């Protein structure tokens, strides 16, 4: 496990970011959060998915930096943002928190 903490944190952050990205896309396409998207009418509320999409992209970038052991601050920021990428899904919150924990525990692994 030694030497892989940052990588594990990066993977968790990437998964949370992907969920946020998918949720944002579903919100844009349907106008409903991922949890209740059953139809595909495009409405003005669909624009609410854009912030979720952007947060998901930032979380993905942070997870990528954590996997490469570069830019510790951005990796932690990406993990923190992954928590709020899709705040309605509890699994995203758990993955984001675990991502932060493992990235911070692996701080010595960063360049």
N, C-alpha and C. Protein backbone atom coordinates (compact mmCIF):
# COMPACT_ATOMS: atom_id res chain seq x y z
N UNK A 1 0.83 -1.19 0.00
CA UNK A 1 0.00 0.00 0.00
C UNK A 1 0.87 1.25 0.00
N UNK A 2 2.06 1.14 0.58
CA UNK A 2 2.96 2.29 0.60
C UNK A 2 3.32 2.68 -0.83
N UNK A 3 3.20 3.94 -1.14
CA UNK A 3 3.51 4.42 -2.47
C UNK A 3 2.32 4.47 -3.40
N UNK A 4 1.21 3.91 -2.99
CA UNK A 4 0.02 3.89 -3.84
C UNK A 4 -1.14 4.70 -3.28
N UNK A 5 -0.92 5.39 -2.19
CA UNK A 5 -2.03 6.13 -1.58
C UNK A 5 -2.54 7.24 -2.49
N UNK A 6 -1.63 7.99 -3.07
CA UNK A 6 -2.05 9.07 -3.97
C UNK A 6 -2.75 8.51 -5.19
N UNK A 7 -2.25 7.40 -5.70
CA UNK A 7 -2.87 6.77 -6.87
C UNK A 7 -4.29 6.29 -6.52
N UNK A 8 -4.47 5.69 -5.36
CA UNK A 8 -5.80 5.26 -4.93
C UNK A 8 -6.72 6.46 -4.76
N UNK A 9 -6.21 7.53 -4.15
CA UNK A 9 -7.00 8.76 -4.03
C UNK A 9 -7.38 9.31 -5.39
N UNK A 10 -6.45 9.22 -6.34
CA UNK A 10 -6.74 9.67 -7.70
C UNK A 10 -7.83 8.86 -8.36
N UNK A 11 -7.79 7.55 -8.17
CA UNK A 11 -8.82 6.68 -8.75
C UNK A 11 -10.19 7.02 -8.15
N UNK A 12 -10.25 7.18 -6.85
CA UNK A 12 -11.52 7.52 -6.20
C UNK A 12 -12.04 8.86 -6.69
N UNK A 13 -11.13 9.82 -6.86
CA UNK A 13 -11.52 11.13 -7.36
C UNK A 13 -11.99 11.04 -8.81
N UNK A 14 -11.31 10.24 -9.60
CA UNK A 14 -11.74 10.05 -10.99
C UNK A 14 -13.14 9.45 -11.08
N UNK A 15 -13.40 8.46 -10.27
CA UNK A 15 -14.74 7.84 -10.27
C UNK A 15 -15.80 8.86 -9.87
N UNK A 16 -15.52 9.62 -8.83
CA UNK A 16 -16.48 10.65 -8.40
C UNK A 16 -16.66 11.70 -9.49
N UNK A 17 -15.57 12.06 -10.16
CA UNK A 17 -15.66 13.03 -11.25
C UNK A 17 -16.46 12.52 -12.43
N UNK A 18 -16.30 11.24 -12.75
CA UNK A 18 -17.06 10.64 -13.85
C UNK A 18 -18.54 10.63 -13.51
N UNK A 19 -18.86 10.30 -12.27
CA UNK A 19 -20.27 10.32 -11.85
C UNK A 19 -20.83 11.73 -11.96
N UNK A 20 -20.05 12.72 -11.54
CA UNK A 20 -20.48 14.12 -11.66
C UNK A 20 -20.65 14.53 -13.11
N UNK A 21 -19.74 14.07 -13.96
CA UNK A 21 -19.82 14.38 -15.39
C UNK A 21 -21.07 13.79 -16.01
N UNK A 22 -21.33 12.52 -15.72
CA UNK A 22 -22.54 11.86 -16.25
C UNK A 22 -23.80 12.54 -15.71
N UNK A 23 -23.77 12.88 -14.44
CA UNK A 23 -24.93 13.54 -13.84
C UNK A 23 -25.17 14.89 -14.49
N UNK A 24 -24.10 15.64 -14.73
CA UNK A 24 -24.24 16.93 -15.39
C UNK A 24 -24.80 16.79 -16.80
N UNK A 25 -24.32 15.80 -17.54
CA UNK A 25 -24.83 15.56 -18.89
C UNK A 25 -26.30 15.16 -18.87
N UNK A 26 -26.66 14.30 -17.92
CA UNK A 26 -28.07 13.89 -17.81
C UNK A 26 -28.94 15.08 -17.45
N UNK A 27 -28.44 15.95 -16.59
CA UNK A 27 -29.20 17.13 -16.20
C UNK A 27 -29.40 18.05 -17.40
N UNK A 28 -28.35 18.19 -18.20
CA UNK A 28 -28.44 19.03 -19.40
C UNK A 28 -29.43 18.44 -20.39
N UNK A 29 -29.36 17.13 -20.58
CA UNK A 29 -30.22 16.48 -21.58
C UNK A 29 -31.68 16.40 -21.14
N UNK A 30 -31.91 16.18 -19.86
CA UNK A 30 -33.28 15.93 -19.40
C UNK A 30 -33.88 17.05 -18.58
N UNK A 31 -33.04 17.90 -18.02
CA UNK A 31 -33.56 18.93 -17.13
C UNK A 31 -33.86 18.41 -15.74
N UNK A 32 -33.50 17.18 -15.48
CA UNK A 32 -33.72 16.55 -14.17
C UNK A 32 -32.40 15.99 -13.66
N UNK A 33 -32.20 15.99 -12.36
CA UNK A 33 -31.00 15.35 -11.81
C UNK A 33 -30.95 13.87 -12.19
N UNK A 34 -29.78 13.31 -12.17
CA UNK A 34 -29.56 11.92 -12.56
C UNK A 34 -30.48 10.96 -11.82
N UNK A 35 -30.77 11.26 -10.57
CA UNK A 35 -31.55 10.34 -9.75
C UNK A 35 -32.98 10.16 -10.25
N UNK A 36 -33.56 11.18 -10.93
CA UNK A 36 -34.96 11.08 -11.33
C UNK A 36 -35.17 11.32 -12.82
N UNK A 37 -34.09 11.21 -13.61
CA UNK A 37 -34.20 11.44 -15.05
C UNK A 37 -34.88 10.25 -15.72
N UNK A 38 -36.10 10.42 -16.15
CA UNK A 38 -36.84 9.34 -16.82
C UNK A 38 -37.22 9.70 -18.25
N UNK A 39 -37.34 10.98 -18.56
CA UNK A 39 -37.70 11.41 -19.89
C UNK A 39 -36.63 12.36 -20.41
N UNK A 40 -36.72 12.77 -21.65
CA UNK A 40 -35.70 13.62 -22.23
C UNK A 40 -36.23 14.94 -22.78
N UNK A 41 -37.07 15.66 -22.07
CA UNK A 41 -37.46 16.98 -22.57
C UNK A 41 -36.36 18.00 -22.24
N UNK A 42 -35.92 18.75 -23.20
CA UNK A 42 -34.91 19.77 -22.96
C UNK A 42 -35.63 21.02 -22.48
N UNK A 43 -35.29 21.48 -21.29
CA UNK A 43 -35.94 22.63 -20.69
C UNK A 43 -34.89 23.63 -20.23
N UNK A 44 -35.35 24.78 -19.78
CA UNK A 44 -34.45 25.80 -19.26
C UNK A 44 -33.71 25.29 -18.03
N UNK A 45 -34.36 24.43 -17.27
CA UNK A 45 -33.70 23.87 -16.07
C UNK A 45 -32.50 23.02 -16.44
N UNK A 46 -32.43 22.60 -17.69
CA UNK A 46 -31.28 21.79 -18.12
C UNK A 46 -29.97 22.56 -17.96
N UNK A 47 -30.04 23.88 -17.98
CA UNK A 47 -28.83 24.68 -17.81
C UNK A 47 -28.24 24.51 -16.43
N UNK A 48 -29.02 24.03 -15.48
CA UNK A 48 -28.50 23.77 -14.14
C UNK A 48 -27.47 22.64 -14.14
N UNK A 49 -27.45 21.84 -15.18
CA UNK A 49 -26.48 20.77 -15.26
C UNK A 49 -25.09 21.23 -15.64
N UNK A 50 -24.97 22.44 -16.17
CA UNK A 50 -23.66 22.94 -16.62
C UNK A 50 -22.67 23.06 -15.45
N UNK A 51 -23.06 23.63 -14.30
CA UNK A 51 -22.10 23.66 -13.18
C UNK A 51 -21.67 22.26 -12.73
N UNK A 52 -22.59 21.32 -12.71
CA UNK A 52 -22.25 19.95 -12.33
C UNK A 52 -21.26 19.36 -13.32
N UNK A 53 -21.48 19.62 -14.59
CA UNK A 53 -20.58 19.15 -15.63
C UNK A 53 -19.18 19.74 -15.46
N UNK A 54 -19.11 21.03 -15.21
CA UNK A 54 -17.81 21.70 -15.03
C UNK A 54 -17.10 21.17 -13.79
N UNK A 55 -17.84 20.99 -12.70
CA UNK A 55 -17.22 20.45 -11.47
C UNK A 55 -16.72 19.03 -11.71
N UNK A 56 -17.47 18.25 -12.48
CA UNK A 56 -17.03 16.89 -12.80
C UNK A 56 -15.73 16.90 -13.60
N UNK A 57 -15.60 17.83 -14.54
CA UNK A 57 -14.38 17.94 -15.33
C UNK A 57 -13.20 18.33 -14.45
N UNK A 58 -13.41 19.28 -13.54
CA UNK A 58 -12.33 19.69 -12.63
C UNK A 58 -11.93 18.51 -11.72
N UNK A 59 -12.91 17.76 -11.25
CA UNK A 59 -12.62 16.60 -10.42
C UNK A 59 -11.82 15.56 -11.20
N UNK A 60 -12.16 15.35 -12.47
CA UNK A 60 -11.39 14.43 -13.31
C UNK A 60 -9.94 14.90 -13.46
N UNK A 61 -9.75 16.19 -13.66
CA UNK A 61 -8.39 16.72 -13.79
C UNK A 61 -7.61 16.53 -12.49
N UNK A 62 -8.25 16.78 -11.35
CA UNK A 62 -7.59 16.57 -10.07
C UNK A 62 -7.22 15.12 -9.85
N UNK A 63 -8.12 14.21 -10.21
CA UNK A 63 -7.81 12.79 -10.10
C UNK A 63 -6.67 12.38 -11.01
N UNK A 64 -6.61 12.97 -12.18
CA UNK A 64 -5.53 12.68 -13.12
C UNK A 64 -4.19 13.15 -12.56
N UNK A 65 -4.15 14.35 -11.97
CA UNK A 65 -2.93 14.83 -11.35
C UNK A 65 -2.51 13.93 -10.19
N UNK A 66 -3.47 13.46 -9.42
CA UNK A 66 -3.13 12.57 -8.29
C UNK A 66 -2.56 11.26 -8.80
N UNK A 67 -3.10 10.74 -9.89
CA UNK A 67 -2.59 9.49 -10.45
C UNK A 67 -1.15 9.64 -10.95
N UNK A 68 -0.82 10.84 -11.43
CA UNK A 68 0.53 11.10 -11.95
C UNK A 68 1.49 11.60 -10.87
N UNK A 69 0.99 11.77 -9.64
CA UNK A 69 1.80 12.28 -8.53
C UNK A 69 2.34 13.67 -8.81
N UNK A 70 1.53 14.52 -9.40
CA UNK A 70 1.93 15.90 -9.72
C UNK A 70 0.88 16.85 -9.18
N UNK A 71 1.28 18.08 -8.92
CA UNK A 71 0.40 19.16 -8.50
C UNK A 71 -0.50 18.76 -7.32
N UNK A 72 0.13 18.58 -6.17
CA UNK A 72 -0.59 18.14 -4.97
C UNK A 72 -1.79 19.02 -4.67
N UNK A 73 -1.61 20.33 -4.72
CA UNK A 73 -2.71 21.25 -4.42
C UNK A 73 -3.89 21.07 -5.35
N UNK A 74 -3.61 20.91 -6.64
CA UNK A 74 -4.71 20.72 -7.59
C UNK A 74 -5.37 19.36 -7.40
N UNK A 75 -4.59 18.35 -7.03
CA UNK A 75 -5.16 17.02 -6.78
C UNK A 75 -6.12 17.06 -5.59
N UNK A 76 -5.73 17.75 -4.52
CA UNK A 76 -6.60 17.89 -3.35
C UNK A 76 -7.82 18.72 -3.71
N UNK A 77 -7.62 19.80 -4.46
CA UNK A 77 -8.75 20.64 -4.87
C UNK A 77 -9.72 19.85 -5.73
N UNK A 78 -9.20 19.04 -6.64
CA UNK A 78 -10.07 18.21 -7.48
C UNK A 78 -10.87 17.22 -6.66
N UNK A 79 -10.23 16.63 -5.65
CA UNK A 79 -10.94 15.69 -4.78
C UNK A 79 -12.01 16.41 -3.98
N UNK A 80 -11.69 17.62 -3.50
CA UNK A 80 -12.69 18.39 -2.75
C UNK A 80 -13.86 18.78 -3.63
N UNK A 81 -13.57 19.17 -4.85
CA UNK A 81 -14.64 19.54 -5.78
C UNK A 81 -15.47 18.33 -6.17
N UNK A 82 -14.84 17.16 -6.19
CA UNK A 82 -15.60 15.96 -6.55
C UNK A 82 -16.72 15.68 -5.54
N UNK A 83 -16.54 16.15 -4.31
CA UNK A 83 -17.58 15.95 -3.29
C UNK A 83 -18.85 16.68 -3.67
N UNK A 84 -18.69 17.87 -4.23
CA UNK A 84 -19.88 18.65 -4.57
C UNK A 84 -20.26 18.53 -6.04
N UNK A 85 -19.53 17.70 -6.80
CA UNK A 85 -19.85 17.55 -8.22
C UNK A 85 -21.28 17.07 -8.41
N UNK A 86 -21.70 16.15 -7.59
CA UNK A 86 -23.09 15.73 -7.59
C UNK A 86 -23.48 15.44 -6.15
N UNK A 87 -23.82 16.48 -5.45
CA UNK A 87 -24.04 16.40 -4.01
C UNK A 87 -25.25 15.55 -3.64
N UNK A 88 -26.14 15.28 -4.61
CA UNK A 88 -27.34 14.49 -4.31
C UNK A 88 -27.04 13.00 -4.19
N UNK A 89 -25.94 12.56 -4.75
CA UNK A 89 -25.59 11.14 -4.68
C UNK A 89 -24.60 10.92 -3.54
N UNK A 90 -25.01 10.14 -2.55
CA UNK A 90 -24.17 9.90 -1.38
C UNK A 90 -22.86 9.24 -1.71
N UNK A 91 -22.83 8.37 -2.73
CA UNK A 91 -21.59 7.67 -3.07
C UNK A 91 -20.52 8.65 -3.53
N UNK A 92 -20.91 9.74 -4.19
CA UNK A 92 -19.95 10.74 -4.64
C UNK A 92 -19.30 11.42 -3.44
N UNK A 93 -20.07 11.70 -2.42
CA UNK A 93 -19.53 12.33 -1.21
C UNK A 93 -18.52 11.40 -0.55
N UNK A 94 -18.87 10.13 -0.45
CA UNK A 94 -17.97 9.15 0.17
C UNK A 94 -16.69 9.00 -0.64
N UNK A 95 -16.81 8.88 -1.97
CA UNK A 95 -15.63 8.74 -2.82
C UNK A 95 -14.74 9.98 -2.73
N UNK A 96 -15.35 11.16 -2.72
CA UNK A 96 -14.58 12.39 -2.63
C UNK A 96 -13.82 12.51 -1.32
N UNK A 97 -14.48 12.18 -0.22
CA UNK A 97 -13.82 12.24 1.09
C UNK A 97 -12.68 11.24 1.16
N UNK A 98 -12.92 10.01 0.70
CA UNK A 98 -11.85 9.02 0.70
C UNK A 98 -10.72 9.44 -0.23
N UNK A 99 -11.06 10.06 -1.35
CA UNK A 99 -10.03 10.56 -2.26
C UNK A 99 -9.14 11.59 -1.59
N UNK A 100 -9.75 12.53 -0.87
CA UNK A 100 -8.98 13.54 -0.15
C UNK A 100 -8.08 12.88 0.88
N UNK A 101 -8.63 11.95 1.64
CA UNK A 101 -7.85 11.28 2.69
C UNK A 101 -6.63 10.59 2.10
N UNK A 102 -6.83 9.81 1.04
CA UNK A 102 -5.70 9.07 0.47
C UNK A 102 -4.70 10.00 -0.22
N UNK A 103 -5.17 11.05 -0.85
CA UNK A 103 -4.23 11.99 -1.49
C UNK A 103 -3.39 12.68 -0.43
N UNK A 104 -4.02 13.12 0.66
CA UNK A 104 -3.26 13.79 1.72
C UNK A 104 -2.31 12.82 2.40
N UNK A 105 -2.75 11.57 2.61
CA UNK A 105 -1.85 10.57 3.20
C UNK A 105 -0.65 10.29 2.29
N UNK A 106 -0.83 10.43 0.99
CA UNK A 106 0.25 10.18 0.05
C UNK A 106 0.98 11.44 -0.40
N UNK A 107 0.92 12.49 0.39
CA UNK A 107 1.53 13.77 0.01
C UNK A 107 3.01 13.61 -0.31
N UNK A 108 3.70 12.76 0.40
CA UNK A 108 5.14 12.58 0.18
C UNK A 108 5.43 11.94 -1.18
N UNK A 109 4.43 11.39 -1.84
CA UNK A 109 4.62 10.74 -3.14
C UNK A 109 4.62 11.75 -4.28
N UNK A 110 4.23 12.98 -4.01
CA UNK A 110 4.13 14.00 -5.06
C UNK A 110 5.48 14.63 -5.33
N UNK A 111 5.69 15.05 -6.59
CA UNK A 111 6.93 15.71 -6.99
C UNK A 111 6.99 17.12 -6.45
